[in-house]
Amino acid sequence: MTEKNHVGIKIKQMREGQNMSIEELAQESNSSVKLIENLENGDLIPSLTPLFKIARALGVRLGTFLDDAPQNGPVLTRSGSSDSIVRFSGKLDGTKDSKLDFYALAAEKQDRHMEPFLIDVYPIESNEYKLSSHEGEEFIYVMDGEIEVMYGQEKYMLKKGDSIYYDSIVPHDLHAFGKDVAKILAVIYSPF
């Protein structure tokens, strides 16, 4: 099962478990019916912002879509051993190409409030950035390459060793700067 099928299957299971139609989930998450159908069928690599809204509409954490076998105790992830990868399209509509590869660092931790990821951020071809917002906070630490963060009306350039912490409710976008892939550590908090 691919990561996009895994996420889509989880969304469908939760929606059906709550006796919610695709149309109801689309309305509650401020998404289109087509987006929900494409996610559930595995025809689309999801982007992060709609997933936050879908999770909220279903009454679950974002990490619920990534969870496999929840653990109550500490979760240890050894270097190079994160098998839980999800490829997101970023905020581009309708793309099937991954622009963000998320390596979950605590997918097995039950009842967590933070979502820690290592993320490979690929360059995008266009200078047209679609800002998005969702409840919560984000901490970003650049491990390799350069990142440009658009935050409200401000623009921040981050290089290896730099970090930024911001409120996610402010419209924002994060992307690799230049032509090289960047690697970041991201910790996302979404209140529930």
Protein backbone atom coordinates (compact mmCIF):
# COMPACT_ATOMS: atom_id res chain seq x y z
CA MET A 1 0.00 0.00 0.00
CA THR A 2 1.46 3.39 -0.95
CA GLU A 3 1.47 6.31 1.46
CA LYS A 4 -1.24 8.18 -0.44
CA ASN A 5 -3.46 5.07 -0.39
CA HIS A 6 -2.75 4.67 3.34
CA VAL A 7 -3.88 8.24 4.07
CA GLY A 8 -6.91 7.94 1.80
CA ILE A 9 -7.98 4.64 3.36
CA LYS A 10 -7.74 6.16 6.86
CA ILE A 11 -9.84 9.16 5.82
CA LYS A 12 -12.49 6.92 4.27
CA GLN A 13 -12.59 4.58 7.29
CA MET A 14 -13.00 7.49 9.72
CA ARG A 15 -15.61 9.21 7.55
CA GLU A 16 -17.65 6.04 7.15
CA GLY A 17 -17.21 5.19 10.84
CA GLN A 18 -18.92 8.48 11.65
CA ASN A 19 -21.68 7.86 9.08
CA MET A 20 -20.55 10.97 7.23
CA SER A 21 -21.00 11.32 3.48
CA ILE A 22 -18.25 12.63 1.22
CA GLU A 23 -20.38 15.74 0.69
CA GLU A 24 -20.69 16.32 4.45
CA LEU A 25 -16.94 15.92 4.98
CA ALA A 26 -16.25 18.29 2.09
CA GLN A 27 -18.58 20.89 3.58
CA GLU A 28 -17.23 20.50 7.15
CA SER A 29 -13.61 20.73 5.98
CA ASN A 30 -14.20 23.54 3.48
CA SER A 31 -12.91 21.22 0.73
CA SER A 32 -14.31 20.09 -2.58
CA VAL A 33 -16.08 16.75 -3.03
CA LYS A 34 -13.59 16.00 -5.83
CA LEU A 35 -10.64 16.51 -3.45
CA ILE A 36 -12.11 14.10 -0.88
CA GLU A 37 -12.86 11.52 -3.60
CA ASN A 38 -9.35 11.83 -5.04
CA LEU A 39 -7.74 11.48 -1.61
CA GLU A 40 -9.83 8.45 -0.67
CA ASN A 41 -9.15 6.75 -4.01
CA GLY A 42 -5.41 7.41 -3.78
CA ASP A 43 -5.52 9.44 -7.00
CA LEU A 44 -3.94 12.52 -5.43
CA ILE A 45 -0.97 13.18 -3.25
CA PRO A 46 -2.56 15.25 -0.50
CA SER A 47 -1.31 18.63 0.61
CA LEU A 48 -0.92 19.43 4.26
CA THR A 49 -3.45 22.24 4.70
CA PRO A 50 -6.50 20.32 3.43
CA LEU A 51 -5.45 17.37 5.61
CA PHE A 52 -5.45 19.63 8.69
CA LYS A 53 -8.99 20.75 7.81
CA ILE A 54 -10.17 17.20 7.10
CA ALA A 55 -8.67 15.98 10.39
CA ARG A 56 -10.44 18.78 12.23
CA ALA A 57 -13.76 17.96 10.53
CA LEU A 58 -13.37 14.30 11.53
CA GLY A 59 -12.42 15.25 15.09
CA VAL A 60 -8.94 13.70 14.97
CA ARG A 61 -5.31 14.83 15.04
CA LEU A 62 -3.42 15.16 11.76
CA GLY A 63 -1.14 12.35 12.92
CA THR A 64 -4.07 9.96 13.02
CA PHE A 65 -3.77 9.67 9.23
CA LEU A 66 -0.15 8.57 9.64
CA ASP A 67 -0.53 6.29 12.67
CA ASP A 68 -0.12 2.55 12.38
CA ALA A 69 0.28 0.74 15.70
CA PRO A 70 -0.09 3.29 18.53
CA GLN A 71 2.24 3.01 21.54
CA ASN A 72 1.70 4.37 25.03
CA GLY A 73 5.35 4.56 26.06
CA PRO A 74 8.23 6.41 24.48
CA VAL A 75 8.81 5.98 20.76
CA LEU A 76 12.38 5.65 19.58
CA THR A 77 13.35 6.27 15.97
CA ARG A 78 16.91 5.29 15.08
CA SER A 79 18.92 7.23 12.55
CA GLY A 80 17.87 6.34 9.03
CA SER A 81 15.07 4.06 10.19
CA SER A 82 11.91 6.13 9.71
CA ASP A 83 9.75 3.85 7.57
CA SER A 84 6.75 6.14 7.87
CA ILE A 85 7.00 8.43 4.83
CA VAL A 86 4.24 10.52 3.35
CA ARG A 87 4.72 12.54 0.18
CA PHE A 88 2.76 15.78 0.05
CA SER A 89 2.23 18.03 -2.92
CA GLY A 90 2.74 21.14 -0.83
CA LYS A 91 0.01 23.64 -1.56
CA LEU A 92 -0.20 23.13 -5.30
CA ASP A 93 -3.69 22.17 -6.45
CA GLY A 94 -4.15 18.96 -8.36
CA THR A 95 -0.50 17.96 -8.63
CA LYS A 96 0.56 14.35 -8.45
CA ASP A 97 4.23 15.25 -7.97
CA SER A 98 5.66 15.26 -4.47
CA LYS A 99 7.16 18.56 -3.35
CA LEU A 100 7.51 17.56 0.30
CA ASP A 101 8.59 14.14 1.61
CA PHE A 102 7.59 13.83 5.29
CA TYR A 103 9.40 11.24 7.42
CA ALA A 104 7.35 10.85 10.60
CA LEU A 105 9.47 10.57 13.72
CA ALA A 106 6.75 9.57 16.18
CA ALA A 107 3.90 8.02 14.18
CA GLU A 108 3.52 5.22 16.75
CA LYS A 109 3.19 7.57 19.76
CA GLN A 110 -0.38 7.54 20.99
CA ASP A 111 -2.09 10.75 22.18
CA ARG A 112 0.74 13.00 21.06
CA HIS A 113 0.23 16.74 20.74
CA MET A 114 3.16 17.43 18.43
CA GLU A 115 3.97 16.01 15.00
CA PRO A 116 7.75 15.80 14.47
CA PHE A 117 8.97 15.21 10.92
CA LEU A 118 12.13 15.25 8.86
CA ILE A 119 11.10 16.76 5.54
CA ASP A 120 12.82 16.82 2.17
CA VAL A 121 11.67 20.03 0.50
CA TYR A 122 11.98 20.02 -3.28
CA PRO A 123 12.37 23.16 -5.39
CA ILE A 124 9.27 24.29 -7.24
CA GLU A 125 9.25 25.63 -10.76
CA SER A 126 6.97 28.62 -10.23
CA ASN A 127 7.35 31.80 -8.20
CA GLU A 128 3.61 31.70 -7.52
CA TYR A 129 3.20 30.65 -3.90
CA LYS A 130 -0.16 29.76 -2.41
CA LEU A 131 -0.25 30.74 1.25
CA SER A 132 -2.21 28.53 3.62
CA SER A 133 -3.21 28.67 7.25
CA HIS A 134 -4.44 26.30 9.93
CA GLU A 135 -4.68 26.29 13.70
CA GLY A 136 -1.50 25.58 15.62
CA GLU A 137 2.18 26.36 15.65
CA GLU A 138 5.20 25.20 13.66
CA PHE A 139 8.89 24.99 14.48
CA ILE A 140 11.25 24.61 11.52
CA TYR A 141 15.01 23.88 11.75
CA VAL A 142 17.03 23.82 8.52
CA MET A 143 19.36 20.83 8.40
CA ASP A 144 20.58 21.26 4.83
CA GLY A 145 20.02 23.68 1.96
CA GLU A 146 18.05 26.90 2.01
CA ILE A 147 14.39 27.57 2.78
CA GLU A 148 12.27 30.60 2.04
CA VAL A 149 9.36 31.16 4.42
CA MET A 150 6.54 33.47 3.41
CA TYR A 151 4.71 34.52 6.58
CA GLY A 152 1.90 37.02 6.18
CA GLN A 153 3.49 39.96 4.38
CA GLU A 154 7.02 39.02 5.49
CA LYS A 155 9.64 36.85 3.81
CA TYR A 156 12.40 35.01 5.71
CA MET A 157 15.47 33.26 4.26
CA LEU A 158 16.81 30.38 6.35
CA LYS A 159 20.06 28.50 5.82
CA LYS A 160 21.54 25.41 7.45
CA GLY A 161 21.41 25.81 11.23
CA ASP A 162 18.68 28.50 11.18
CA SER A 163 15.25 27.99 12.71
CA ILE A 164 11.89 29.72 12.83
CA TYR A 165 8.87 29.26 15.10
CA TYR A 166 5.51 30.71 14.05
CA ASP A 167 1.76 30.62 14.53
CA SER A 168 0.24 28.58 11.70
CA ILE A 169 -2.98 30.60 11.67
CA VAL A 170 -1.09 33.37 9.84
CA PRO A 171 -1.05 32.56 6.10
CA HIS A 172 2.31 31.02 5.26
CA ASP A 173 4.30 29.01 2.74
CA LEU A 174 7.58 27.19 3.03
CA HIS A 175 9.64 26.08 0.03
CA ALA A 176 13.20 25.27 -0.98
CA PHE A 177 15.11 28.30 -2.21
CA GLY A 178 17.18 27.80 -5.33
CA LYS A 179 17.51 24.59 -7.31
CA ASP A 180 18.61 22.18 -4.57
CA VAL A 181 16.57 19.97 -2.27
CA ALA A 182 16.55 21.19 1.33
CA LYS A 183 16.11 19.09 4.47
CA ILE A 184 14.32 20.39 7.57
CA LEU A 185 13.19 19.20 10.96
CA ALA A 186 9.63 20.36 11.51
CA VAL A 187 7.58 20.07 14.66
CA ILE A 188 3.91 20.87 14.11
CA TYR A 189 1.48 21.46 16.94
CA SER A 190 -2.21 21.46 16.18
CA PRO A 191 -4.56 22.01 19.12
CA PHE A 192 -7.50 19.75 19.36
